[in-house]
PDB file of N, CA and C in Angstrom:
ATOM      1  N   MET A   1      16.444  10.662  -2.758  1.00  0.00           N
ATOM      2  CA  MET A   1      15.202  10.709  -2.032  1.00  0.00           C
ATOM      3  C   MET A   1      14.645   9.298  -1.956  1.00  0.00           C
ATOM      4  N   ASN A   2      14.244   8.858  -0.771  1.00  0.00           N
ATOM      5  CA  ASN A   2      13.701   7.525  -0.581  1.00  0.00           C
ATOM      6  C   ASN A   2      12.189   7.570  -0.574  1.00  0.00           C
ATOM      7  N   SER A   3      11.581   6.581  -1.166  1.00  0.00           N
ATOM      8  CA  SER A   3      10.126   6.474  -1.118  1.00  0.00           C
ATOM      9  C   SER A   3       9.762   5.042  -0.756  1.00  0.00           C
ATOM     10  N   LEU A   4       8.646   4.893  -0.068  1.00  0.00           N
ATOM     11  CA  LEU A   4       8.181   3.572   0.323  1.00  0.00           C
ATOM     12  C   LEU A   4       7.036   3.154  -0.579  1.00  0.00           C
ATOM     13  N   ASN A   5       7.167   2.013  -1.172  1.00  0.00           N
ATOM     14  CA  ASN A   5       6.107   1.469  -2.011  1.00  0.00           C
ATOM     15  C   ASN A   5       5.644   0.160  -1.396  1.00  0.00           C
ATOM     16  N   ALA A   6       4.348   0.008  -1.248  1.00  0.00           N
ATOM     17  CA  ALA A   6       3.809  -1.236  -0.714  1.00  0.00           C
ATOM     18  C   ALA A   6       3.696  -2.232  -1.859  1.00  0.00           C
ATOM     19  N   LYS A   7       4.220  -3.403  -1.658  1.00  0.00           N
ATOM     20  CA  LYS A   7       4.190  -4.433  -2.683  1.00  0.00           C
ATOM     21  C   LYS A   7       3.630  -5.700  -2.061  1.00  0.00           C
ATOM     22  N   LYS A   8       2.767  -6.389  -2.787  1.00  0.00           N
ATOM     23  CA  LYS A   8       2.154  -7.597  -2.258  1.00  0.00           C
ATOM     24  C   LYS A   8       3.098  -8.773  -2.420  1.00  0.00           C
ATOM     25  N   HIS A   9       3.261  -9.526  -1.375  1.00  0.00           N
ATOM     26  CA  HIS A   9       4.025 -10.758  -1.405  1.00  0.00           C
ATOM     27  C   HIS A   9       3.104 -11.869  -0.936  1.00  0.00           C
ATOM     28  N   ILE A  10       3.260 -13.030  -1.487  1.00  0.00           N
ATOM     29  CA  ILE A  10       2.414 -14.153  -1.119  1.00  0.00           C
ATOM     30  C   ILE A  10       3.223 -15.095  -0.252  1.00  0.00           C
ATOM     31  N   ALA A  11       2.697 -15.361   0.925  1.00  0.00           N
ATOM     32  CA  ALA A  11       3.332 -16.290   1.841  1.00  0.00           C
ATOM     33  C   ALA A  11       2.433 -17.505   1.958  1.00  0.00           C
ATOM     34  N   THR A  12       2.993 -18.684   1.819  1.00  0.00           N
ATOM     35  CA  THR A  12       2.210 -19.905   1.911  1.00  0.00           C
ATOM     36  C   THR A  12       2.397 -20.491   3.291  1.00  0.00           C
ATOM     37  N   MET A  13       1.278 -20.754   3.936  1.00  0.00           N
ATOM     38  CA  MET A  13       1.299 -21.370   5.254  1.00  0.00           C
ATOM     39  C   MET A  13       1.096 -22.865   5.057  1.00  0.00           C
ATOM     40  N   ASN A  14       1.706 -23.712   5.874  1.00  0.00           N
ATOM     41  CA  ASN A  14       1.612 -25.142   5.705  1.00  0.00           C
ATOM     42  C   ASN A  14       0.905 -25.885   6.827  1.00  0.00           C
ATOM     43  N   PRO A  15      -0.060 -25.316   7.528  1.00  0.00           N
ATOM     44  CA  PRO A  15      -0.782 -26.162   8.466  1.00  0.00           C
ATOM     45  C   PRO A  15      -1.738 -27.055   7.691  1.00  0.00           C
ATOM     46  N   THR A  16      -2.124 -28.166   8.281  1.00  0.00           N
ATOM     47  CA  THR A  16      -3.084 -29.029   7.604  1.00  0.00           C
ATOM     48  C   THR A  16      -4.451 -28.391   7.670  1.00  0.00           C
ATOM     49  N   LEU A  17      -5.337 -28.828   6.811  1.00  0.00           N
ATOM     50  CA  LEU A  17      -6.675 -28.261   6.785  1.00  0.00           C
ATOM     51  C   LEU A  17      -7.436 -28.569   8.070  1.00  0.00           C
ATOM     52  N   GLU A  18      -7.124 -29.698   8.703  1.00  0.00           N
ATOM     53  CA  GLU A  18      -7.808 -30.041   9.946  1.00  0.00           C
ATOM     54  C   GLU A  18      -7.467 -29.059  11.054  1.00  0.00           C
ATOM     55  N   SER A  19      -6.234 -28.557  11.075  1.00  0.00           N
ATOM     56  CA  SER A  19      -5.836 -27.651  12.150  1.00  0.00           C
ATOM     57  C   SER A  19      -6.555 -26.317  12.055  1.00  0.00           C
ATOM     58  N   HIS A  20      -6.819 -25.814  10.838  1.00  0.00           N
ATOM     59  CA  HIS A  20      -7.527 -24.544  10.756  1.00  0.00           C
ATOM     60  C   HIS A  20      -9.027 -24.724  10.918  1.00  0.00           C
ATOM     61  N   LYS A  21      -9.560 -25.924  10.681  1.00  0.00           N
ATOM     62  CA  LYS A  21     -10.977 -26.159  10.928  1.00  0.00           C
ATOM     63  C   LYS A  21     -11.254 -26.275  12.413  1.00  0.00           C
ATOM     64  N   ASN A  22     -10.286 -26.793  13.180  1.00  0.00           N
ATOM     65  CA  ASN A  22     -10.440 -26.877  14.628  1.00  0.00           C
ATOM     66  C   ASN A  22     -10.239 -25.520  15.277  1.00  0.00           C
ATOM     67  N   ALA A  23      -9.504 -24.633  14.630  1.00  0.00           N
ATOM     68  CA  ALA A  23      -9.290 -23.287  15.164  1.00  0.00           C
ATOM     69  C   ALA A  23     -10.570 -22.487  14.992  1.00  0.00           C
ATOM     70  N   ASN A  24     -10.516 -21.235  15.335  1.00  0.00           N
ATOM     71  CA  ASN A  24     -11.698 -20.392  15.277  1.00  0.00           C
ATOM     72  C   ASN A  24     -11.856 -19.782  13.890  1.00  0.00           C
ATOM     73  N   ALA A  25     -12.218 -20.599  12.917  1.00  0.00           N
ATOM     74  CA  ALA A  25     -12.491 -20.092  11.578  1.00  0.00           C
ATOM     75  C   ALA A  25     -13.882 -19.473  11.590  1.00  0.00           C
ATOM     76  N   VAL A  26     -13.963 -18.227  11.184  1.00  0.00           N
ATOM     77  CA  VAL A  26     -15.204 -17.492  11.337  1.00  0.00           C
ATOM     78  C   VAL A  26     -16.116 -17.653  10.137  1.00  0.00           C
ATOM     79  N   LYS A  27     -15.649 -17.331   8.958  1.00  0.00           N
ATOM     80  CA  LYS A  27     -16.507 -17.249   7.802  1.00  0.00           C
ATOM     81  C   LYS A  27     -15.737 -17.685   6.568  1.00  0.00           C
ATOM     82  N   THR A  28     -16.410 -18.354   5.658  1.00  0.00           N
ATOM     83  CA  THR A  28     -15.770 -18.712   4.398  1.00  0.00           C
ATOM     84  C   THR A  28     -16.595 -18.155   3.248  1.00  0.00           C
ATOM     85  N   MET A  29     -15.894 -17.672   2.224  1.00  0.00           N
ATOM     86  CA  MET A  29     -16.544 -17.141   1.027  1.00  0.00           C
ATOM     87  C   MET A  29     -15.775 -17.638  -0.192  1.00  0.00           C
ATOM     88  N   LYS A  30     -16.488 -17.999  -1.240  1.00  0.00           N
ATOM     89  CA  LYS A  30     -15.819 -18.411  -2.473  1.00  0.00           C
ATOM     90  C   LYS A  30     -15.393 -17.169  -3.238  1.00  0.00           C
ATOM     91  N   THR A  31     -14.173 -17.203  -3.746  1.00  0.00           N
ATOM     92  CA  THR A  31     -13.623 -16.086  -4.496  1.00  0.00           C
ATOM     93  C   THR A  31     -12.618 -16.598  -5.515  1.00  0.00           C
ATOM     94  N   THR A  32     -12.233 -15.739  -6.430  1.00  0.00           N
ATOM     95  CA  THR A  32     -11.191 -16.066  -7.401  1.00  0.00           C
ATOM     96  C   THR A  32      -9.964 -15.228  -7.062  1.00  0.00           C
ATOM     97  N   LEU A  33      -8.887 -15.898  -6.728  1.00  0.00           N
ATOM     98  CA  LEU A  33      -7.640 -15.250  -6.321  1.00  0.00           C
ATOM     99  C   LEU A  33      -6.722 -15.171  -7.533  1.00  0.00           C
ATOM    100  N   ARG A  34      -6.142 -14.006  -7.756  1.00  0.00           N
ATOM    101  CA  ARG A  34      -5.173 -13.849  -8.840  1.00  0.00           C
ATOM    102  C   ARG A  34      -3.775 -14.007  -8.263  1.00  0.00           C
ATOM    103  N   MET A  35      -3.023 -14.986  -8.768  1.00  0.00           N
ATOM    104  CA  MET A  35      -1.666 -15.246  -8.284  1.00  0.00           C
ATOM    105  C   MET A  35      -0.686 -15.168  -9.440  1.00  0.00           C
ATOM    106  N   LYS A  36       0.464 -14.574  -9.142  1.00  0.00           N
ATOM    107  CA  LYS A  36       1.532 -14.463 -10.131  1.00  0.00           C
ATOM    108  C   LYS A  36       2.407 -15.705 -10.044  1.00  0.00           C
ATOM    109  N   CYS A  37       2.739 -16.283 -11.195  1.00  0.00           N
ATOM    110  CA  CYS A  37       3.601 -17.458 -11.241  1.00  0.00           C
ATOM    111  C   CYS A  37       5.012 -17.062 -10.796  1.00  0.00           C
ATOM    112  N   PHE A  38       5.607 -17.863  -9.914  1.00  0.00           N
ATOM    113  CA  PHE A  38       6.943 -17.572  -9.400  1.00  0.00           C
ATOM    114  C   PHE A  38       8.010 -17.773 -10.479  1.00  0.00           C
ATOM    115  N   TYR A  39       7.715 -18.594 -11.466  1.00  0.00           N
ATOM    116  CA  TYR A  39       8.714 -18.972 -12.454  1.00  0.00           C
ATOM    117  C   TYR A  39       8.708 -18.067 -13.687  1.00  0.00           C
ATOM    118  N   CYS A  40       7.506 -17.822 -14.248  1.00  0.00           N
ATOM    119  CA  CYS A  40       7.461 -17.064 -15.502  1.00  0.00           C
ATOM    120  C   CYS A  40       6.808 -15.693 -15.354  1.00  0.00           C
ATOM    121  N   GLY A  41       6.119 -15.409 -14.253  1.00  0.00           N
ATOM    122  CA  GLY A  41       5.523 -14.100 -14.026  1.00  0.00           C
ATOM    123  C   GLY A  41       4.125 -13.933 -14.593  1.00  0.00           C
ATOM    124  N   HIS A  42       3.522 -14.993 -15.106  1.00  0.00           N
ATOM    125  CA  HIS A  42       2.169 -14.919 -15.663  1.00  0.00           C
ATOM    126  C   HIS A  42       1.138 -14.876 -14.537  1.00  0.00           C
ATOM    127  N   TRP A  43       0.111 -14.021 -14.695  1.00  0.00           N
ATOM    128  CA  TRP A  43      -0.958 -13.921 -13.700  1.00  0.00           C
ATOM    129  C   TRP A  43      -2.010 -14.979 -13.989  1.00  0.00           C
ATOM    130  N   ASN A  44      -2.308 -15.819 -12.997  1.00  0.00           N
ATOM    131  CA  ASN A  44      -3.269 -16.904 -13.131  1.00  0.00           C
ATOM    132  C   ASN A  44      -4.425 -16.697 -12.161  1.00  0.00           C
ATOM    133  N   ARG A  45      -5.564 -17.284 -12.478  1.00  0.00           N
ATOM    134  CA  ARG A  45      -6.734 -17.230 -11.597  1.00  0.00           C
ATOM    135  C   ARG A  45      -6.858 -18.547 -10.848  1.00  0.00           C
ATOM    136  N   VAL A  46      -7.043 -18.437  -9.512  1.00  0.00           N
ATOM    137  CA  VAL A  46      -7.139 -19.609  -8.660  1.00  0.00           C
ATOM    138  C   VAL A  46      -8.472 -19.559  -7.923  1.00  0.00           C
ATOM    139  N   PRO A  47      -9.366 -20.543  -8.132  1.00  0.00           N
ATOM    140  CA  PRO A  47     -10.594 -20.576  -7.337  1.00  0.00           C
ATOM    141  C   PRO A  47     -10.252 -20.967  -5.903  1.00  0.00           C
ATOM    142  N   ALA A  48     -10.756 -20.201  -4.939  1.00  0.00           N
ATOM    143  CA  ALA A  48     -10.373 -20.429  -3.544  1.00  0.00           C
ATOM    144  C   ALA A  48     -11.499 -20.020  -2.604  1.00  0.00           C
ATOM    145  N   ASN A  49     -11.438 -20.533  -1.385  1.00  0.00           N
ATOM    146  CA  ASN A  49     -12.303 -20.093  -0.296  1.00  0.00           C
ATOM    147  C   ASN A  49     -11.541 -19.072   0.524  1.00  0.00           C
ATOM    148  N   LYS A  50     -12.169 -17.927   0.798  1.00  0.00           N
ATOM    149  CA  LYS A  50     -11.562 -16.933   1.688  1.00  0.00           C
ATOM    150  C   LYS A  50     -12.006 -17.270   3.103  1.00  0.00           C
ATOM    151  N   ILE A  51     -11.044 -17.445   4.008  1.00  0.00           N
ATOM    152  CA  ILE A  51     -11.323 -17.862   5.380  1.00  0.00           C
ATOM    153  C   ILE A  51     -10.744 -16.826   6.332  1.00  0.00           C
ATOM    154  N   PHE A  52     -11.499 -16.476   7.346  1.00  0.00           N
ATOM    155  CA  PHE A  52     -11.023 -15.572   8.391  1.00  0.00           C
ATOM    156  C   PHE A  52     -10.778 -16.396   9.642  1.00  0.00           C
ATOM    157  N   ILE A  53      -9.523 -16.427  10.106  1.00  0.00           N
ATOM    158  CA  ILE A  53      -9.142 -17.203  11.283  1.00  0.00           C
ATOM    159  C   ILE A  53      -8.851 -16.234  12.419  1.00  0.00           C
ATOM    160  N   GLU A  54      -9.420 -16.523  13.584  1.00  0.00           N
ATOM    161  CA  GLU A  54      -9.218 -15.646  14.736  1.00  0.00           C
ATOM    162  C   GLU A  54      -7.808 -15.832  15.290  1.00  0.00           C
ATOM    163  N   GLN A  55      -7.143 -14.714  15.550  1.00  0.00           N
ATOM    164  CA  GLN A  55      -5.784 -14.727  16.083  1.00  0.00           C
ATOM    165  C   GLN A  55      -5.834 -14.346  17.560  1.00  0.00           C
ATOM    166  N   ASN A  56      -5.005 -14.982  18.355  1.00  0.00           N
ATOM    167  CA  ASN A  56      -4.944 -14.645  19.781  1.00  0.00           C
ATOM    168  C   ASN A  56      -4.301 -13.277  19.980  1.00  0.00           C
ATOM    169  N   THR A  57      -4.875 -12.487  20.881  1.00  0.00           N
ATOM    170  CA  THR A  57      -4.337 -11.173  21.199  1.00  0.00           C
ATOM    171  C   THR A  57      -4.077 -11.084  22.689  1.00  0.00           C
ATOM    172  N   SER A  58      -3.297 -10.087  23.078  1.00  0.00           N
ATOM    173  CA  SER A  58      -3.002  -9.916  24.502  1.00  0.00           C
ATOM    174  C   SER A  58      -4.209  -9.378  25.259  1.00  0.00           C
ATOM    175  N   ASP A  59      -5.066  -8.608  24.584  1.00  0.00           N
ATOM    176  CA  ASP A  59      -6.272  -8.064  25.213  1.00  0.00           C
ATOM    177  C   ASP A  59      -7.438  -8.985  24.879  1.00  0.00           C
ATOM    178  N   SER A  60      -8.176  -9.426  25.892  1.00  0.00           N
ATOM    179  CA  SER A  60      -9.268 -10.363  25.672  1.00  0.00           C
ATOM    180  C   SER A  60     -10.477  -9.704  25.016  1.00  0.00           C
ATOM    181  N   LYS A  61     -10.581  -8.383  25.084  1.00  0.00           N
ATOM    182  CA  LYS A  61     -11.720  -7.683  24.499  1.00  0.00           C
ATOM    183  C   LYS A  61     -11.551  -7.427  23.008  1.00  0.00           C
ATOM    184  N   VAL A  62     -10.315  -7.479  22.532  1.00  0.00           N
ATOM    185  CA  VAL A  62     -10.019  -7.193  21.136  1.00  0.00           C
ATOM    186  C   VAL A  62      -9.887  -8.507  20.373  1.00  0.00           C
ATOM    187  N   LYS A  63     -10.575  -8.591  19.231  1.00  0.00           N
ATOM    188  CA  LYS A  63     -10.462  -9.774  18.384  1.00  0.00           C
ATOM    189  C   LYS A  63      -9.770  -9.379  17.086  1.00  0.00           C
ATOM    190  N   ALA A  64      -8.806 -10.184  16.684  1.00  0.00           N
ATOM    191  CA  ALA A  64      -8.084  -9.946  15.432  1.00  0.00           C
ATOM    192  C   ALA A  64      -8.275 -11.163  14.539  1.00  0.00           C
ATOM    193  N   TYR A  65      -8.474 -10.903  13.255  1.00  0.00           N
ATOM    194  CA  TYR A  65      -8.701 -11.981  12.305  1.00  0.00           C
ATOM    195  C   TYR A  65      -7.653 -11.923  11.203  1.00  0.00           C
ATOM    196  N   ILE A  66      -7.210 -13.106  10.768  1.00  0.00           N
ATOM    197  CA  ILE A  66      -6.255 -13.228   9.673  1.00  0.00           C
ATOM    198  C   ILE A  66      -7.015 -13.747   8.455  1.00  0.00           C
ATOM    199  N   ARG A  67      -6.824 -13.102   7.311  1.00  0.00           N
ATOM    200  CA  ARG A  67      -7.481 -13.538   6.079  1.00  0.00           C
ATOM    201  C   ARG A  67      -6.546 -14.485   5.343  1.00  0.00           C
ATOM    202  N   VAL A  68      -7.004 -15.719   5.106  1.00  0.00           N
ATOM    203  CA  VAL A  68      -6.233 -16.705   4.351  1.00  0.00           C
ATOM    204  C   VAL A  68      -7.128 -17.278   3.252  1.00  0.00           C
ATOM    205  N   TYR A  69      -6.498 -17.864   2.272  1.00  0.00           N
ATOM    206  CA  TYR A  69      -7.206 -18.446   1.142  1.00  0.00           C
ATOM    207  C   TYR A  69      -6.891 -19.934   1.055  1.00  0.00           C
ATOM    208  N   GLU A  70      -7.926 -20.751   0.832  1.00  0.00           N
ATOM    209  CA  GLU A  70      -7.777 -22.193   0.664  1.00  0.00           C
ATOM    210  C   GLU A  70      -8.128 -22.535  -0.783  1.00  0.00           C
ATOM    211  N   PRO A  71      -7.152 -22.909  -1.622  1.00  0.00           N
ATOM    212  CA  PRO A  71      -7.452 -23.248  -3.015  1.00  0.00           C
ATOM    213  C   PRO A  71      -8.392 -24.451  -3.102  1.00  0.00           C
ATOM    214  N   LEU A  72      -9.321 -24.396  -4.049  1.00  0.00           N
ATOM    215  CA  LEU A  72     -10.297 -25.469  -4.203  1.00  0.00           C
ATOM    216  C   LEU A  72      -9.778 -26.599  -5.089  1.00  0.00           C
ATOM    217  N   GLU A  73      -8.738 -26.328  -5.866  1.00  0.00           N
ATOM    218  CA  GLU A  73      -8.177 -27.345  -6.753  1.00  0.00           C
ATOM    219  C   GLU A  73      -6.695 -27.061  -6.976  1.00  0.00           C
ATOM    220  N   VAL A  74      -6.003 -28.044  -7.528  1.00  0.00           N
ATOM    221  CA  VAL A  74      -4.596 -27.856  -7.885  1.00  0.00           C
ATOM    222  C   VAL A  74      -4.562 -27.041  -9.171  1.00  0.00           C
ATOM    223  N   VAL A  75      -3.818 -25.913  -9.147  1.00  0.00           N
ATOM    224  CA  VAL A  75      -3.774 -25.007 -10.291  1.00  0.00           C
ATOM    225  C   VAL A  75      -2.355 -24.976 -10.847  1.00  0.00           C
ATOM    226  N   LYS A  76      -2.255 -25.145 -12.175  1.00  0.00           N
ATOM    227  CA  LYS A  76      -0.975 -25.053 -12.867  1.00  0.00           C
ATOM    228  C   LYS A  76      -0.962 -23.773 -13.695  1.00  0.00           C
ATOM    229  N   CYS A  77       0.226 -23.217 -13.873  1.00  0.00           N
ATOM    230  CA  CYS A  77       0.380 -22.014 -14.678  1.00  0.00           C
ATOM    231  C   CYS A  77       0.002 -22.318 -16.130  1.00  0.00           C
ATOM    232  N   LYS A  78      -0.714 -21.379 -16.756  1.00  0.00           N
ATOM    233  CA  LYS A  78      -1.159 -21.599 -18.129  1.00  0.00           C
ATOM    234  C   LYS A  78      -0.026 -21.522 -19.137  1.00  0.00           C
ATOM    235  N   THR A  79       1.054 -20.807 -18.813  1.00  0.00           N
ATOM    236  CA  THR A  79       2.144 -20.665 -19.787  1.00  0.00           C
ATOM    237  C   THR A  79       3.256 -21.690 -19.577  1.00  0.00           C
ATOM    238  N   CYS A  80       3.717 -21.891 -18.333  1.00  0.00           N
ATOM    239  CA  CYS A  80       4.840 -22.811 -18.122  1.00  0.00           C
ATOM    240  C   CYS A  80       4.411 -24.185 -17.599  1.00  0.00           C
ATOM    241  N   GLY A  81       3.192 -24.320 -17.068  1.00  0.00           N
ATOM    242  CA  GLY A  81       2.690 -25.619 -16.642  1.00  0.00           C
ATOM    243  C   GLY A  81       3.136 -26.076 -15.268  1.00  0.00           C
ATOM    244  N   LYS A  82       3.789 -25.228 -14.489  1.00  0.00           N
ATOM    245  CA  LYS A  82       4.228 -25.624 -13.143  1.00  0.00           C
ATOM    246  C   LYS A  82       3.107 -25.362 -12.134  1.00  0.00           C
ATOM    247  N   VAL A  83       3.105 -26.135 -11.058  1.00  0.00           N
ATOM    248  CA  VAL A  83       2.046 -26.040 -10.045  1.00  0.00           C
ATOM    249  C   VAL A  83       2.200 -24.747  -9.260  1.00  0.00           C
ATOM    250  N   ILE A  84       1.096 -23.980  -9.158  1.00  0.00           N
ATOM    251  CA  ILE A  84       1.093 -22.714  -8.423  1.00  0.00           C
ATOM    252  C   ILE A  84       0.447 -22.883  -7.060  1.00  0.00           C
ATOM    253  N   ALA A  85      -0.712 -23.564  -7.013  1.00  0.00           N
ATOM    254  CA  ALA A  85      -1.457 -23.707  -5.759  1.00  0.00           C
ATOM    255  C   ALA A  85      -1.946 -25.145  -5.617  1.00  0.00           C
ATOM    256  N   GLU A  86      -1.898 -25.643  -4.384  1.00  0.00           N
ATOM    257  CA  GLU A  86      -2.392 -26.981  -4.068  1.00  0.00           C
ATOM    258  C   GLU A  86      -3.493 -26.880  -3.033  1.00  0.00           C
ATOM    259  N   GLN A  87      -4.302 -27.931  -2.933  1.00  0.00           N
ATOM    260  CA  GLN A  87      -5.460 -27.904  -2.046  1.00  0.00           C
ATOM    261  C   GLN A  87      -5.084 -27.917  -0.574  1.00  0.00           C
ATOM    262  N   LYS A  88      -4.014 -28.523  -0.186  1.00  0.00           N
ATOM    263  CA  LYS A  88      -3.663 -28.688   1.227  1.00  0.00           C
ATOM    264  C   LYS A  88      -2.928 -27.490   1.821  1.00  0.00           C
ATOM    265  N   GLU A  89      -2.633 -26.469   1.016  1.00  0.00           N
ATOM    266  CA  GLU A  89      -1.889 -25.306   1.510  1.00  0.00           C
ATOM    267  C   GLU A  89      -2.801 -24.096   1.657  1.00  0.00           C
ATOM    268  N   LEU A  90      -2.619 -23.377   2.746  1.00  0.00           N
ATOM    269  CA  LEU A  90      -3.331 -22.121   2.944  1.00  0.00           C
ATOM    270  C   LEU A  90      -2.438 -20.991   2.440  1.00  0.00           C
ATOM    271  N   ILE A  91      -3.031 -19.996   1.791  1.00  0.00           N
ATOM    272  CA  ILE A  91      -2.278 -18.888   1.215  1.00  0.00           C
ATOM    273  C   ILE A  91      -2.650 -17.616   1.953  1.00  0.00           C
ATOM    274  N   ARG A  92      -1.642 -16.892   2.410  1.00  0.00           N
ATOM    275  CA  ARG A  92      -1.857 -15.599   3.060  1.00  0.00           C
ATOM    276  C   ARG A  92      -1.124 -14.534   2.269  1.00  0.00           C
ATOM    277  N   ILE A  93      -1.804 -13.431   1.970  1.00  0.00           N
ATOM    278  CA  ILE A  93      -1.190 -12.334   1.228  1.00  0.00           C
ATOM    279  C   ILE A  93      -0.653 -11.328   2.221  1.00  0.00           C
ATOM    280  N   VAL A  94       0.630 -11.010   2.097  1.00  0.00           N
ATOM    281  CA  VAL A  94       1.318 -10.124   3.025  1.00  0.00           C
ATOM    282  C   VAL A  94       1.809  -8.908   2.255  1.00  0.00           C
ATOM    283  N   LYS A  95       1.534  -7.728   2.775  1.00  0.00           N
ATOM    284  CA  LYS A  95       2.053  -6.509   2.164  1.00  0.00           C
ATOM    285  C   LYS A  95       3.302  -6.088   2.917  1.00  0.00           C
ATOM    286  N   SER A  96       4.342  -5.751   2.179  1.00  0.00           N
ATOM    287  CA  SER A  96       5.572  -5.292   2.807  1.00  0.00           C
ATOM    288  C   SER A  96       6.035  -4.023   2.119  1.00  0.00           C
ATOM    289  N   ALA A  97       6.734  -3.189   2.855  1.00  0.00           N
ATOM    290  CA  ALA A  97       7.236  -1.937   2.304  1.00  0.00           C
ATOM    291  C   ALA A  97       8.625  -2.163   1.727  1.00  0.00           C
ATOM    292  N   ILE A  98       8.843  -1.638   0.534  1.00  0.00           N
ATOM    293  CA  ILE A  98      10.130  -1.765  -0.136  1.00  0.00           C
ATOM    294  C   ILE A  98      10.670  -0.352  -0.383  1.00  0.00           C
ATOM    295  N   LYS A  99      11.926  -0.128   0.014  1.00  0.00           N
ATOM    296  CA  LYS A  99      12.552   1.169  -0.207  1.00  0.00           C
ATOM    297  C   LYS A  99      13.197   1.196  -1.587  1.00  0.00           C
ATOM    298  N   GLU A 100      12.916   2.251  -2.318  1.00  0.00           N
ATOM    299  CA  GLU A 100      13.547   2.439  -3.625  1.00  0.00           C
ATOM    300  C   GLU A 100      14.131   3.832  -3.680  1.00  0.00           C
ATOM    301  N   GLU A 101      15.243   3.957  -4.343  1.00  0.00           N
ATOM    302  CA  GLU A 101      15.872   5.261  -4.509  1.00  0.00           C
ATOM    303  C   GLU A 101      15.481   5.842  -5.859  1.00  0.00           C
ATOM    304  N   CYS A 102      14.981   7.034  -5.817  1.00  0.00           N
ATOM    305  CA  CYS A 102      14.619   7.736  -7.052  1.00  0.00           C
ATOM    306  C   CYS A 102      15.818   8.571  -7.496  1.00  0.00           C
ATOM    307  N   SER A 103      16.133   8.478  -8.756  1.00  0.00           N
ATOM    308  CA  SER A 103      17.267   9.267  -9.249  1.00  0.00           C
ATOM    309  C   SER A 103      16.834  10.309 -10.239  1.00  0.00           C
TER     310      SER A 103
END
């Protein structure tokens, strides 16, 4: 029997900060983002600005917004010491479906 489980994946976008400021950034809010270290799996807290960027759509009446996070400082993992987030990178959280077989 197959089941679909939604799992969060973090995708890092690499546009410069100037490019998203020139785009249609709607609102910014300060928040604390929890990110899992890619190397050791430790959950770390990252201070960040939550930004909503307007995305182009085929229908002019419909507006779509993408939620991205801009880290406020360079954050290193507390256990292994490797860099997790940098100031010049925008972070977007993407949910994807993963198929697992139950036995």
